[in-house]
Amino acid sequence: MSQSTIKLGQRFKDFVKAIADNFTDLYTNKADKTALTSHNTAADAHADRFNPLVSGVSYSEGTGVFTFTKVDGTKITVDTKLEKVVTNFTYDSTNQQLVLTLDDGTSYPIPMSAFINEYGVTDTTTIDLTMSADHKISAVIKTGSITKAMLLQAVQDEITANTNARHSHNNKSALDGINAAKITSWDAAAAASGQATKTKVSFTASDSKWGTISNGLYPLTIPHNGKSLVGGVHKTDGSSNYEVLVDVDYQTSNVVIYSADKFAGYIELV
């Protein structure tokens, strides 16, 4: 008697077929009933004992059904439902279903919508968000949307320091002292200058009017004789003259000009 070995890990179909082959082998090698007949005084002797016994087994590979035949000819079928074993599956993205294909060719859809979450994107005041067809999300910062408060603290501190320092220069206090009343006075003087006589006072870089440097500035003292300074202080550079930024102290008798270096130039008094 030769029997098929059944191993764990076999395909289910091969597993069932091995069982069927073993039953067939048992039937092929069963004891000869002739010996039983000759042993008894009648052919149907002990029939109540032998009729329930299995005399043959057949197996339908297509349906997975075992058919057991008894000695008395009656049959018993056992359906293993092998045709209901899943042999393949696909995903229906349109209907969001997992479609199982059974061994008999029928299909069985399983809804997957409850397991699928659809995500979207929403823009903000500073970020543009997009999502591609393959669900990849990208972000772009909108032009002009970043405020100072959104920057790193170190960057904010640098901006603040630069802002505070942009008016840091030698005559800052003089410039800060300019107000609306002084501007009105200067405008009036300028308007009247066309009718008044201007006096041009020139000086050189080595002029004795220059005093000794103090606190990094040279004082240039020019008597004004009761006249006012108009048109600013001009520096002479070869054949060119241009107005320069200096500190001016208009005193009782003199106009005192403070500069970081000595230069040649002129002022005009009205």
C-alpha atoms as a PDB file:
ATOM      1  CA  MET A   1       0.000   0.000   0.000  1.00  0.00           C
ATOM      2  CA  SER A   2       1.375   3.404  -1.037  1.00  0.00           C
ATOM      3  CA  GLN A   3      -0.033   6.559   0.499  1.00  0.00           C
ATOM      4  CA  SER A   4       0.570  10.227  -0.437  1.00  0.00           C
ATOM      5  CA  THR A   5       2.332  12.295   2.200  1.00  0.00           C
ATOM      6  CA  ILE A   6       0.363  15.385   3.346  1.00  0.00           C
ATOM      7  CA  LYS A   7       2.558  18.325   4.334  1.00  0.00           C
ATOM      8  CA  LEU A   8       1.805  21.605   6.017  1.00  0.00           C
ATOM      9  CA  GLY A   9       2.247  24.535   3.647  1.00  0.00           C
ATOM     10  CA  GLN A  10       0.761  22.717   0.600  1.00  0.00           C
ATOM     11  CA  ARG A  11      -1.832  24.445  -1.578  1.00  0.00           C
ATOM     12  CA  PHE A  12      -5.278  23.636  -0.296  1.00  0.00           C
ATOM     13  CA  LYS A  13      -6.255  22.034  -3.601  1.00  0.00           C
ATOM     14  CA  ASP A  14      -3.168  19.723  -3.479  1.00  0.00           C
ATOM     15  CA  PHE A  15      -3.913  18.973   0.170  1.00  0.00           C
ATOM     16  CA  VAL A  16      -7.453  17.782  -0.622  1.00  0.00           C
ATOM     17  CA  LYS A  17      -6.300  15.795  -3.648  1.00  0.00           C
ATOM     18  CA  ALA A  18      -3.719  13.972  -1.495  1.00  0.00           C
ATOM     19  CA  ILE A  19      -6.538  12.919   0.871  1.00  0.00           C
ATOM     20  CA  ALA A  20      -8.578  11.671  -2.083  1.00  0.00           C
ATOM     21  CA  ASP A  21      -5.607   9.696  -3.439  1.00  0.00           C
ATOM     22  CA  ASN A  22      -5.116   8.071  -0.043  1.00  0.00           C
ATOM     23  CA  PHE A  23      -8.778   6.976   0.070  1.00  0.00           C
ATOM     24  CA  THR A  24      -8.471   5.561  -3.457  1.00  0.00           C
ATOM     25  CA  ASP A  25      -5.358   3.645  -2.467  1.00  0.00           C
ATOM     26  CA  LEU A  26      -7.209   2.181   0.512  1.00  0.00           C
ATOM     27  CA  TYR A  27     -10.000   1.066  -1.751  1.00  0.00           C
ATOM     28  CA  THR A  28      -7.653  -0.494  -4.321  1.00  0.00           C
ATOM     29  CA  ASN A  29      -5.861  -2.505  -1.661  1.00  0.00           C
ATOM     30  CA  LYS A  30      -8.974  -3.514   0.331  1.00  0.00           C
ATOM     31  CA  ALA A  31      -9.416  -7.125   1.340  1.00  0.00           C
ATOM     32  CA  ASP A  32     -11.048  -9.456  -1.225  1.00  0.00           C
ATOM     33  CA  LYS A  33     -14.757  -9.879  -0.382  1.00  0.00           C
ATOM     34  CA  THR A  34     -14.662 -13.377  -1.859  1.00  0.00           C
ATOM     35  CA  ALA A  35     -12.818 -14.530   1.208  1.00  0.00           C
ATOM     36  CA  LEU A  36     -15.603 -13.129   3.341  1.00  0.00           C
ATOM     37  CA  THR A  37     -18.260 -14.901   1.212  1.00  0.00           C
ATOM     38  CA  SER A  38     -16.507 -18.238   1.361  1.00  0.00           C
ATOM     39  CA  HIS A  39     -16.114 -17.776   5.059  1.00  0.00           C
ATOM     40  CA  ASN A  40     -19.861 -17.483   5.591  1.00  0.00           C
ATOM     41  CA  THR A  41     -22.582 -19.966   4.732  1.00  0.00           C
ATOM     42  CA  ALA A  42     -24.477 -17.294   2.749  1.00  0.00           C
ATOM     43  CA  ALA A  43     -23.393 -14.355   0.529  1.00  0.00           C
ATOM     44  CA  ASP A  44     -25.254 -11.877   2.714  1.00  0.00           C
ATOM     45  CA  ALA A  45     -23.952 -13.248   5.990  1.00  0.00           C
ATOM     46  CA  HIS A  46     -23.092 -10.503   8.459  1.00  0.00           C
ATOM     47  CA  ALA A  47     -24.514  -7.917   6.045  1.00  0.00           C
ATOM     48  CA  ASP A  48     -25.565  -5.728   8.973  1.00  0.00           C
ATOM     49  CA  ARG A  49     -21.897  -5.453   9.851  1.00  0.00           C
ATOM     50  CA  PHE A  50     -20.404  -4.983   6.385  1.00  0.00           C
ATOM     51  CA  ASN A  51     -23.038  -2.915   4.550  1.00  0.00           C
ATOM     52  CA  PRO A  52     -22.196   0.346   6.439  1.00  0.00           C
ATOM     53  CA  LEU A  53     -18.527  -0.024   5.537  1.00  0.00           C
ATOM     54  CA  VAL A  54     -17.029   2.095   2.704  1.00  0.00           C
ATOM     55  CA  SER A  55     -16.189   0.114  -0.369  1.00  0.00           C
ATOM     56  CA  GLY A  56     -15.077   2.969  -2.649  1.00  0.00           C
ATOM     57  CA  VAL A  57     -14.155   6.690  -2.710  1.00  0.00           C
ATOM     58  CA  SER A  58     -14.146   9.143  -5.615  1.00  0.00           C
ATOM     59  CA  TYR A  59     -13.141  12.791  -5.742  1.00  0.00           C
ATOM     60  CA  SER A  60     -14.159  15.584  -8.146  1.00  0.00           C
ATOM     61  CA  GLU A  61     -11.247  17.994  -8.468  1.00  0.00           C
ATOM     62  CA  GLY A  62     -13.424  20.620 -10.171  1.00  0.00           C
ATOM     63  CA  THR A  63     -15.993  20.855  -7.368  1.00  0.00           C
ATOM     64  CA  GLY A  64     -13.988  19.535  -4.420  1.00  0.00           C
ATOM     65  CA  VAL A  65     -16.680  16.891  -3.626  1.00  0.00           C
ATOM     66  CA  PHE A  66     -15.809  13.486  -2.073  1.00  0.00           C
ATOM     67  CA  THR A  67     -18.214  10.588  -2.851  1.00  0.00           C
ATOM     68  CA  PHE A  68     -18.087   7.612  -0.450  1.00  0.00           C
ATOM     69  CA  THR A  69     -19.752   4.332  -1.646  1.00  0.00           C
ATOM     70  CA  LYS A  70     -20.795   1.780   0.987  1.00  0.00           C
ATOM     71  CA  VAL A  71     -20.800  -1.979   0.560  1.00  0.00           C
ATOM     72  CA  ASP A  72     -24.584  -1.944   0.057  1.00  0.00           C
ATOM     73  CA  GLY A  73     -24.197   0.579  -2.832  1.00  0.00           C
ATOM     74  CA  THR A  74     -25.456   3.673  -1.001  1.00  0.00           C
ATOM     75  CA  LYS A  75     -23.421   6.869  -1.457  1.00  0.00           C
ATOM     76  CA  ILE A  76     -22.448   9.720   0.824  1.00  0.00           C
ATOM     77  CA  THR A  77     -21.054  13.015  -0.585  1.00  0.00           C
ATOM     78  CA  VAL A  78     -18.882  15.494   1.282  1.00  0.00           C
ATOM     79  CA  ASP A  79     -18.496  18.975  -0.287  1.00  0.00           C
ATOM     80  CA  THR A  80     -15.198  20.589   0.730  1.00  0.00           C
ATOM     81  CA  LYS A  81     -16.271  23.937  -0.866  1.00  0.00           C
ATOM     82  CA  LEU A  82     -12.913  23.964  -2.662  1.00  0.00           C
ATOM     83  CA  GLU A  83     -14.472  25.976  -5.476  1.00  0.00           C
ATOM     84  CA  LYS A  84     -15.033  28.762  -2.964  1.00  0.00           C
ATOM     85  CA  VAL A  85     -11.310  29.165  -2.265  1.00  0.00           C
ATOM     86  CA  VAL A  86     -10.000  32.631  -3.288  1.00  0.00           C
ATOM     87  CA  THR A  87      -7.501  32.299  -6.144  1.00  0.00           C
ATOM     88  CA  ASN A  88      -7.007  35.981  -7.013  1.00  0.00           C
ATOM     89  CA  PHE A  89      -8.130  39.509  -6.158  1.00  0.00           C
ATOM     90  CA  THR A  90      -8.146  42.966  -7.798  1.00  0.00           C
ATOM     91  CA  TYR A  91      -8.991  46.477  -6.635  1.00  0.00           C
ATOM     92  CA  ASP A  92     -11.792  48.441  -8.308  1.00  0.00           C
ATOM     93  CA  SER A  93     -10.718  52.064  -7.717  1.00  0.00           C
ATOM     94  CA  THR A  94     -13.850  53.483  -9.340  1.00  0.00           C
ATOM     95  CA  ASN A  95     -16.214  51.751  -6.913  1.00  0.00           C
ATOM     96  CA  GLN A  96     -13.624  51.449  -4.129  1.00  0.00           C
ATOM     97  CA  GLN A  97     -14.066  47.670  -3.903  1.00  0.00           C
ATOM     98  CA  LEU A  98     -11.719  44.733  -3.348  1.00  0.00           C
ATOM     99  CA  VAL A  99     -12.910  42.068  -5.825  1.00  0.00           C
ATOM    100  CA  LEU A 100     -12.115  38.450  -4.814  1.00  0.00           C
ATOM    101  CA  THR A 101     -12.040  35.787  -7.549  1.00  0.00           C
ATOM    102  CA  LEU A 102     -13.012  32.280  -6.391  1.00  0.00           C
ATOM    103  CA  ASP A 103     -11.774  28.975  -7.772  1.00  0.00           C
ATOM    104  CA  ASP A 104     -15.031  28.447  -9.684  1.00  0.00           C
ATOM    105  CA  GLY A 105     -14.608  31.757 -11.505  1.00  0.00           C
ATOM    106  CA  THR A 106     -17.212  33.723  -9.579  1.00  0.00           C
ATOM    107  CA  SER A 107     -16.262  37.085  -8.080  1.00  0.00           C
ATOM    108  CA  TYR A 108     -17.102  38.555  -4.721  1.00  0.00           C
ATOM    109  CA  PRO A 109     -16.793  42.344  -4.192  1.00  0.00           C
ATOM    110  CA  ILE A 110     -15.905  43.714  -0.759  1.00  0.00           C
ATOM    111  CA  PRO A 111     -16.611  47.453  -0.217  1.00  0.00           C
ATOM    112  CA  MET A 112     -13.484  49.327   0.943  1.00  0.00           C
ATOM    113  CA  SER A 113     -14.894  52.857   1.193  1.00  0.00           C
ATOM    114  CA  ALA A 114     -14.976  52.688   4.989  1.00  0.00           C
ATOM    115  CA  PHE A 115     -11.198  52.146   4.983  1.00  0.00           C
ATOM    116  CA  ILE A 116     -10.350  54.985   2.566  1.00  0.00           C
ATOM    117  CA  ASN A 117      -9.885  58.604   3.650  1.00  0.00           C
ATOM    118  CA  GLU A 118      -9.793  61.363   1.046  1.00  0.00           C
ATOM    119  CA  TYR A 119      -7.579  64.321   1.983  1.00  0.00           C
ATOM    120  CA  GLY A 120      -7.566  67.835   0.577  1.00  0.00           C
ATOM    121  CA  VAL A 121      -5.542  71.015   1.045  1.00  0.00           C
ATOM    122  CA  THR A 122      -6.553  74.536   2.103  1.00  0.00           C
ATOM    123  CA  ASP A 123      -4.431  77.622   1.432  1.00  0.00           C
ATOM    124  CA  THR A 124      -3.537  80.047   4.233  1.00  0.00           C
ATOM    125  CA  THR A 125      -2.667  83.740   4.110  1.00  0.00           C
ATOM    126  CA  THR A 126       1.026  82.850   3.841  1.00  0.00           C
ATOM    127  CA  ILE A 127       1.133  79.383   2.200  1.00  0.00           C
ATOM    128  CA  ASP A 128      -0.153  78.078  -1.157  1.00  0.00           C
ATOM    129  CA  LEU A 129      -0.828  74.321  -0.916  1.00  0.00           C
ATOM    130  CA  THR A 130      -1.352  71.935  -3.843  1.00  0.00           C
ATOM    131  CA  MET A 131      -1.932  68.183  -4.055  1.00  0.00           C
ATOM    132  CA  SER A 132      -0.976  66.174  -7.137  1.00  0.00           C
ATOM    133  CA  ALA A 133      -2.934  63.311  -8.682  1.00  0.00           C
ATOM    134  CA  ASP A 134      -0.734  60.838  -6.799  1.00  0.00           C
ATOM    135  CA  HIS A 135      -1.577  62.557  -3.481  1.00  0.00           C
ATOM    136  CA  LYS A 136       1.740  64.381  -3.005  1.00  0.00           C
ATOM    137  CA  ILE A 137       1.369  67.704  -1.168  1.00  0.00           C
ATOM    138  CA  SER A 138       3.621  70.691  -1.929  1.00  0.00           C
ATOM    139  CA  ALA A 139       3.742  74.138  -0.319  1.00  0.00           C
ATOM    140  CA  VAL A 140       4.963  77.549  -1.549  1.00  0.00           C
ATOM    141  CA  ILE A 141       5.288  80.711   0.547  1.00  0.00           C
ATOM    142  CA  LYS A 142       3.198  83.558  -0.893  1.00  0.00           C
ATOM    143  CA  THR A 143       5.128  86.617  -2.037  1.00  0.00           C
ATOM    144  CA  GLY A 144       4.972  89.458   0.483  1.00  0.00           C
ATOM    145  CA  SER A 145       3.221  87.366   3.134  1.00  0.00           C
ATOM    146  CA  ILE A 146       6.048  87.029   5.678  1.00  0.00           C
ATOM    147  CA  THR A 147       5.926  89.541   8.545  1.00  0.00           C
ATOM    148  CA  LYS A 148       8.760  90.517  10.876  1.00  0.00           C
ATOM    149  CA  ALA A 149       7.116  88.609  13.720  1.00  0.00           C
ATOM    150  CA  MET A 150       7.385  85.367  11.678  1.00  0.00           C
ATOM    151  CA  LEU A 151      11.182  85.648  11.347  1.00  0.00           C
ATOM    152  CA  LEU A 152      13.760  84.082  13.647  1.00  0.00           C
ATOM    153  CA  GLN A 153      14.338  86.148  16.782  1.00  0.00           C
ATOM    154  CA  ALA A 154      17.980  86.713  15.761  1.00  0.00           C
ATOM    155  CA  VAL A 155      16.830  88.174  12.425  1.00  0.00           C
ATOM    156  CA  GLN A 156      14.254  90.380  14.167  1.00  0.00           C
ATOM    157  CA  ASP A 157      16.944  91.689  16.539  1.00  0.00           C
ATOM    158  CA  GLU A 158      19.263  92.491  13.628  1.00  0.00           C
ATOM    159  CA  ILE A 159      16.542  94.417  11.788  1.00  0.00           C
ATOM    160  CA  THR A 160      15.703  96.380  14.951  1.00  0.00           C
ATOM    161  CA  ALA A 161      19.365  97.245  15.558  1.00  0.00           C
ATOM    162  CA  ASN A 162      19.838  98.402  11.966  1.00  0.00           C
ATOM    163  CA  THR A 163      16.670 100.513  12.166  1.00  0.00           C
ATOM    164  CA  ASN A 164      17.795 102.194  15.368  1.00  0.00           C
ATOM    165  CA  ALA A 165      21.287 102.884  13.984  1.00  0.00           C
ATOM    166  CA  ARG A 166      20.348 104.379  10.637  1.00  0.00           C
ATOM    167  CA  HIS A 167      20.256 107.949  12.113  1.00  0.00           C
ATOM    168  CA  SER A 168      23.480 107.582  14.051  1.00  0.00           C
ATOM    169  CA  HIS A 169      25.922 110.347  12.886  1.00  0.00           C
ATOM    170  CA  ASN A 170      27.885 113.285  14.303  1.00  0.00           C
ATOM    171  CA  ASN A 171      25.238 115.990  13.868  1.00  0.00           C
ATOM    172  CA  LYS A 172      22.217 113.877  14.782  1.00  0.00           C
ATOM    173  CA  SER A 173      21.348 116.163  17.708  1.00  0.00           C
ATOM    174  CA  ALA A 174      21.428 119.237  15.418  1.00  0.00           C
ATOM    175  CA  LEU A 175      19.169 117.567  12.884  1.00  0.00           C
ATOM    176  CA  ASP A 176      16.826 116.333  15.588  1.00  0.00           C
ATOM    177  CA  GLY A 177      16.533 119.963  16.745  1.00  0.00           C
ATOM    178  CA  ILE A 178      15.006 121.076  13.435  1.00  0.00           C
ATOM    179  CA  ASN A 179      11.303 121.806  13.919  1.00  0.00           C
ATOM    180  CA  ALA A 180       8.432 123.456  12.079  1.00  0.00           C
ATOM    181  CA  ALA A 181       9.113 126.903  13.595  1.00  0.00           C
ATOM    182  CA  LYS A 182      12.720 126.908  12.390  1.00  0.00           C
ATOM    183  CA  ILE A 183      11.708 125.783   8.922  1.00  0.00           C
ATOM    184  CA  THR A 184       9.163 128.610   8.732  1.00  0.00           C
ATOM    185  CA  SER A 185      11.849 131.095   9.782  1.00  0.00           C
ATOM    186  CA  TRP A 186      14.273 129.780   7.179  1.00  0.00           C
ATOM    187  CA  ASP A 187      11.630 129.885   4.468  1.00  0.00           C
ATOM    188  CA  ALA A 188      10.903 133.520   5.349  1.00  0.00           C
ATOM    189  CA  ALA A 189      14.597 134.373   5.245  1.00  0.00           C
ATOM    190  CA  ALA A 190      14.949 132.624   1.909  1.00  0.00           C
ATOM    191  CA  ALA A 191      11.988 134.547   0.509  1.00  0.00           C
ATOM    192  CA  ALA A 192      13.484 137.833   1.647  1.00  0.00           C
ATOM    193  CA  SER A 193      16.969 136.972   0.439  1.00  0.00           C
ATOM    194  CA  GLY A 194      16.147 138.135  -3.050  1.00  0.00           C
ATOM    195  CA  GLN A 195      15.689 141.681  -1.728  1.00  0.00           C
ATOM    196  CA  ALA A 196      18.604 141.645   0.729  1.00  0.00           C
ATOM    197  CA  THR A 197      22.313 141.946   0.021  1.00  0.00           C
ATOM    198  CA  LYS A 198      24.246 138.742   0.350  1.00  0.00           C
ATOM    199  CA  THR A 199      27.697 138.721   1.802  1.00  0.00           C
ATOM    200  CA  LYS A 200      29.928 135.845   0.733  1.00  0.00           C
ATOM    201  CA  VAL A 201      32.550 134.878   3.296  1.00  0.00           C
ATOM    202  CA  SER A 202      35.259 132.543   1.970  1.00  0.00           C
ATOM    203  CA  PHE A 203      37.818 130.565   3.947  1.00  0.00           C
ATOM    204  CA  THR A 204      40.644 128.095   3.274  1.00  0.00           C
ATOM    205  CA  ALA A 205      41.677 124.801   4.841  1.00  0.00           C
ATOM    206  CA  SER A 206      44.561 126.612   6.590  1.00  0.00           C
ATOM    207  CA  ASP A 207      42.520 129.658   7.519  1.00  0.00           C
ATOM    208  CA  SER A 208      43.135 131.088  10.992  1.00  0.00           C
ATOM    209  CA  LYS A 209      39.391 130.979  11.502  1.00  0.00           C
ATOM    210  CA  TRP A 210      39.768 127.232  12.119  1.00  0.00           C
ATOM    211  CA  GLY A 211      40.251 126.439  15.797  1.00  0.00           C
ATOM    212  CA  THR A 212      41.783 123.494  17.653  1.00  0.00           C
ATOM    213  CA  ILE A 213      40.077 120.116  17.285  1.00  0.00           C
ATOM    214  CA  SER A 214      37.859 119.114  20.230  1.00  0.00           C
ATOM    215  CA  ASN A 215      35.786 115.951  20.575  1.00  0.00           C
ATOM    216  CA  GLY A 216      36.795 115.053  17.017  1.00  0.00           C
ATOM    217  CA  LEU A 217      35.561 118.349  15.475  1.00  0.00           C
ATOM    218  CA  TYR A 218      37.316 121.509  14.231  1.00  0.00           C
ATOM    219  CA  PRO A 219      35.456 124.799  14.952  1.00  0.00           C
ATOM    220  CA  LEU A 220      35.341 127.442  12.173  1.00  0.00           C
ATOM    221  CA  THR A 221      34.384 130.862  13.658  1.00  0.00           C
ATOM    222  CA  ILE A 222      33.047 133.566  11.305  1.00  0.00           C
ATOM    223  CA  PRO A 223      31.594 136.899  12.543  1.00  0.00           C
ATOM    224  CA  HIS A 224      28.097 137.433  11.119  1.00  0.00           C
ATOM    225  CA  ASN A 225      27.707 141.175  11.980  1.00  0.00           C
ATOM    226  CA  GLY A 226      24.016 140.768  12.674  1.00  0.00           C
ATOM    227  CA  LYS A 227      23.322 138.878   9.450  1.00  0.00           C
ATOM    228  CA  SER A 228      21.857 135.393   9.041  1.00  0.00           C
ATOM    229  CA  LEU A 229      23.397 132.371   7.351  1.00  0.00           C
ATOM    230  CA  VAL A 230      21.554 131.308   4.192  1.00  0.00           C
ATOM    231  CA  GLY A 231      22.190 128.570   1.649  1.00  0.00           C
ATOM    232  CA  GLY A 232      24.172 126.311   3.968  1.00  0.00           C
ATOM    233  CA  VAL A 233      27.944 125.739   4.100  1.00  0.00           C
ATOM    234  CA  HIS A 234      29.759 125.111   0.802  1.00  0.00           C
ATOM    235  CA  LYS A 235      33.006 123.250   0.245  1.00  0.00           C
ATOM    236  CA  THR A 236      35.315 124.146  -2.649  1.00  0.00           C
ATOM    237  CA  ASP A 237      36.907 121.235  -4.498  1.00  0.00           C
ATOM    238  CA  GLY A 238      38.951 122.562  -7.402  1.00  0.00           C
ATOM    239  CA  SER A 239      36.460 124.320  -9.667  1.00  0.00           C
ATOM    240  CA  SER A 240      33.453 122.688  -7.982  1.00  0.00           C
ATOM    241  CA  ASN A 241      31.470 123.852  -4.978  1.00  0.00           C
ATOM    242  CA  TYR A 242      28.937 121.753  -3.111  1.00  0.00           C
ATOM    243  CA  GLU A 243      27.022 121.972   0.114  1.00  0.00           C
ATOM    244  CA  VAL A 244      28.337 119.877   2.978  1.00  0.00           C
ATOM    245  CA  LEU A 245      26.751 118.493   6.116  1.00  0.00           C
ATOM    246  CA  VAL A 246      28.205 120.153   9.233  1.00  0.00           C
ATOM    247  CA  ASP A 247      27.060 121.322  12.652  1.00  0.00           C
ATOM    248  CA  VAL A 248      26.276 125.076  12.781  1.00  0.00           C
ATOM    249  CA  ASP A 249      26.049 127.070  16.005  1.00  0.00           C
ATOM    250  CA  TYR A 250      24.538 130.540  15.418  1.00  0.00           C
ATOM    251  CA  GLN A 251      25.863 132.609  18.315  1.00  0.00           C
ATOM    252  CA  THR A 252      25.351 136.257  19.286  1.00  0.00           C
ATOM    253  CA  SER A 253      28.247 137.591  17.217  1.00  0.00           C
ATOM    254  CA  ASN A 254      29.579 134.620  15.323  1.00  0.00           C
ATOM    255  CA  VAL A 255      28.558 131.648  13.211  1.00  0.00           C
ATOM    256  CA  VAL A 256      30.536 128.627  14.445  1.00  0.00           C
ATOM    257  CA  ILE A 257      30.801 125.705  12.032  1.00  0.00           C
ATOM    258  CA  TYR A 258      31.954 122.291  13.359  1.00  0.00           C
ATOM    259  CA  SER A 259      33.547 119.781  10.970  1.00  0.00           C
ATOM    260  CA  ALA A 260      35.529 116.545  11.272  1.00  0.00           C
ATOM    261  CA  ASP A 261      38.172 117.984   8.924  1.00  0.00           C
ATOM    262  CA  LYS A 262      39.355 121.409   7.728  1.00  0.00           C
ATOM    263  CA  PHE A 263      38.368 122.388   4.195  1.00  0.00           C
ATOM    264  CA  ALA A 264      38.179 125.402   1.868  1.00  0.00           C
ATOM    265  CA  GLY A 265      34.790 126.856   1.108  1.00  0.00           C
ATOM    266  CA  TYR A 266      32.377 129.700   1.756  1.00  0.00           C
ATOM    267  CA  ILE A 267      29.130 130.736   3.427  1.00  0.00           C
ATOM    268  CA  GLU A 268      26.632 133.419   2.522  1.00  0.00           C
ATOM    269  CA  LEU A 269      25.214 135.925   5.041  1.00  0.00           C
ATOM    270  CA  VAL A 270      22.088 138.081   4.524  1.00  0.00           C
END
